[in-house]
């Protein structure tokens, strides 16, 4: 079965935000995930376009953000 690397990366980024607190910038997330800053930035922009709103999550000290079916942290 093939996997989609972009989807895995997006979930990795979201899991990192949830696990390490909110208010982190692209550079901090990139460092924590070992992904390039441009990759993290593109992923966050795409998730924001899809209505997930992670960019607002990054700016907020406390967050109620959650994906459907996943508990908010």
C-alpha atoms as a PDB file:
ATOM      1  CA  UNK A   1       0.000   0.000   0.000  1.00  0.00           C
ATOM      2  CA  UNK A   2       1.382   3.405  -0.905  1.00  0.00           C
ATOM      3  CA  UNK A   3       1.392   6.291   1.522  1.00  0.00           C
ATOM      4  CA  UNK A   4       1.059  10.004   1.011  1.00  0.00           C
ATOM      5  CA  UNK A   5       4.090  11.809   2.419  1.00  0.00           C
ATOM      6  CA  UNK A   6       2.331  15.190   2.483  1.00  0.00           C
ATOM      7  CA  UNK A   7      -0.478  13.888   4.656  1.00  0.00           C
ATOM      8  CA  UNK A   8       1.999  12.257   7.025  1.00  0.00           C
ATOM      9  CA  UNK A   9       3.947  15.514   7.284  1.00  0.00           C
ATOM     10  CA  UNK A  10       0.793  17.525   7.952  1.00  0.00           C
ATOM     11  CA  UNK A  11      -0.204  15.229  10.814  1.00  0.00           C
ATOM     12  CA  UNK A  12       3.358  15.257  12.139  1.00  0.00           C
ATOM     13  CA  UNK A  13       3.244  19.070  12.231  1.00  0.00           C
ATOM     14  CA  UNK A  14      -0.164  19.103  13.948  1.00  0.00           C
ATOM     15  CA  UNK A  15       0.930  16.475  16.464  1.00  0.00           C
ATOM     16  CA  UNK A  16       4.054  18.530  17.211  1.00  0.00           C
ATOM     17  CA  UNK A  17       1.955  21.649  17.820  1.00  0.00           C
ATOM     18  CA  UNK A  18      -0.333  19.672  20.131  1.00  0.00           C
ATOM     19  CA  UNK A  19       2.520  18.014  22.023  1.00  0.00           C
ATOM     20  CA  UNK A  20       4.813  20.990  22.441  1.00  0.00           C
ATOM     21  CA  UNK A  21       2.367  23.775  23.094  1.00  0.00           C
ATOM     22  CA  UNK A  22       0.954  26.543  21.017  1.00  0.00           C
ATOM     23  CA  UNK A  23       2.415  29.876  20.034  1.00  0.00           C
ATOM     24  CA  UNK A  24       5.372  28.276  18.248  1.00  0.00           C
ATOM     25  CA  UNK A  25       6.640  29.760  15.036  1.00  0.00           C
ATOM     26  CA  UNK A  26       7.510  28.073  11.769  1.00  0.00           C
ATOM     27  CA  UNK A  27      11.215  27.931  12.679  1.00  0.00           C
ATOM     28  CA  UNK A  28      10.513  26.188  15.998  1.00  0.00           C
ATOM     29  CA  UNK A  29       8.138  23.690  14.390  1.00  0.00           C
ATOM     30  CA  UNK A  30      10.622  23.001  11.598  1.00  0.00           C
ATOM     31  CA  UNK A  31      13.341  22.350  14.142  1.00  0.00           C
ATOM     32  CA  UNK A  32      11.112  20.063  16.228  1.00  0.00           C
ATOM     33  CA  UNK A  33       9.993  18.056  13.183  1.00  0.00           C
ATOM     34  CA  UNK A  34      13.259  18.048  11.221  1.00  0.00           C
ATOM     35  CA  UNK A  35      11.363  19.467   8.257  1.00  0.00           C
ATOM     36  CA  UNK A  36      12.507  22.453   6.232  1.00  0.00           C
ATOM     37  CA  UNK A  37      10.927  25.796   7.151  1.00  0.00           C
ATOM     38  CA  UNK A  38       9.445  26.183   3.675  1.00  0.00           C
ATOM     39  CA  UNK A  39       7.779  22.759   3.987  1.00  0.00           C
ATOM     40  CA  UNK A  40       6.256  23.665   7.360  1.00  0.00           C
ATOM     41  CA  UNK A  41       5.101  27.032   6.057  1.00  0.00           C
ATOM     42  CA  UNK A  42       3.446  25.489   2.966  1.00  0.00           C
ATOM     43  CA  UNK A  43       1.767  22.803   5.059  1.00  0.00           C
ATOM     44  CA  UNK A  44       0.370  25.353   7.499  1.00  0.00           C
ATOM     45  CA  UNK A  45      -0.870  27.548   4.643  1.00  0.00           C
ATOM     46  CA  UNK A  46      -2.592  24.544   3.031  1.00  0.00           C
ATOM     47  CA  UNK A  47      -4.188  23.490   6.318  1.00  0.00           C
ATOM     48  CA  UNK A  48      -5.373  27.045   6.874  1.00  0.00           C
ATOM     49  CA  UNK A  49      -6.939  27.108   3.388  1.00  0.00           C
ATOM     50  CA  UNK A  50      -8.719  23.863   4.217  1.00  0.00           C
ATOM     51  CA  UNK A  51     -10.298  25.519   7.242  1.00  0.00           C
ATOM     52  CA  UNK A  52      -8.191  23.912   9.967  1.00  0.00           C
ATOM     53  CA  UNK A  53      -6.794  27.264  11.047  1.00  0.00           C
ATOM     54  CA  UNK A  54      -3.391  26.235  12.390  1.00  0.00           C
ATOM     55  CA  UNK A  55      -1.815  29.646  11.722  1.00  0.00           C
ATOM     56  CA  UNK A  56      -4.185  31.169  14.259  1.00  0.00           C
ATOM     57  CA  UNK A  57      -3.270  28.277  16.565  1.00  0.00           C
ATOM     58  CA  UNK A  58       0.387  29.237  16.305  1.00  0.00           C
ATOM     59  CA  UNK A  59      -0.358  32.788  17.404  1.00  0.00           C
ATOM     60  CA  UNK A  60      -2.669  31.819  20.259  1.00  0.00           C
ATOM     61  CA  UNK A  61      -1.344  30.978  23.738  1.00  0.00           C
ATOM     62  CA  UNK A  62      -4.276  28.636  24.349  1.00  0.00           C
ATOM     63  CA  UNK A  63      -6.069  26.699  21.690  1.00  0.00           C
ATOM     64  CA  UNK A  64      -9.298  24.796  21.175  1.00  0.00           C
ATOM     65  CA  UNK A  65      -8.134  23.579  17.759  1.00  0.00           C
ATOM     66  CA  UNK A  66      -8.929  19.984  16.970  1.00  0.00           C
ATOM     67  CA  UNK A  67      -9.358  17.790  13.973  1.00  0.00           C
ATOM     68  CA  UNK A  68     -12.632  15.980  13.709  1.00  0.00           C
ATOM     69  CA  UNK A  69     -12.291  12.710  15.568  1.00  0.00           C
ATOM     70  CA  UNK A  70      -9.153  13.798  17.435  1.00  0.00           C
ATOM     71  CA  UNK A  71      -9.323  15.224  20.971  1.00  0.00           C
ATOM     72  CA  UNK A  72      -8.203  18.801  21.528  1.00  0.00           C
ATOM     73  CA  UNK A  73      -5.075  19.067  23.614  1.00  0.00           C
END
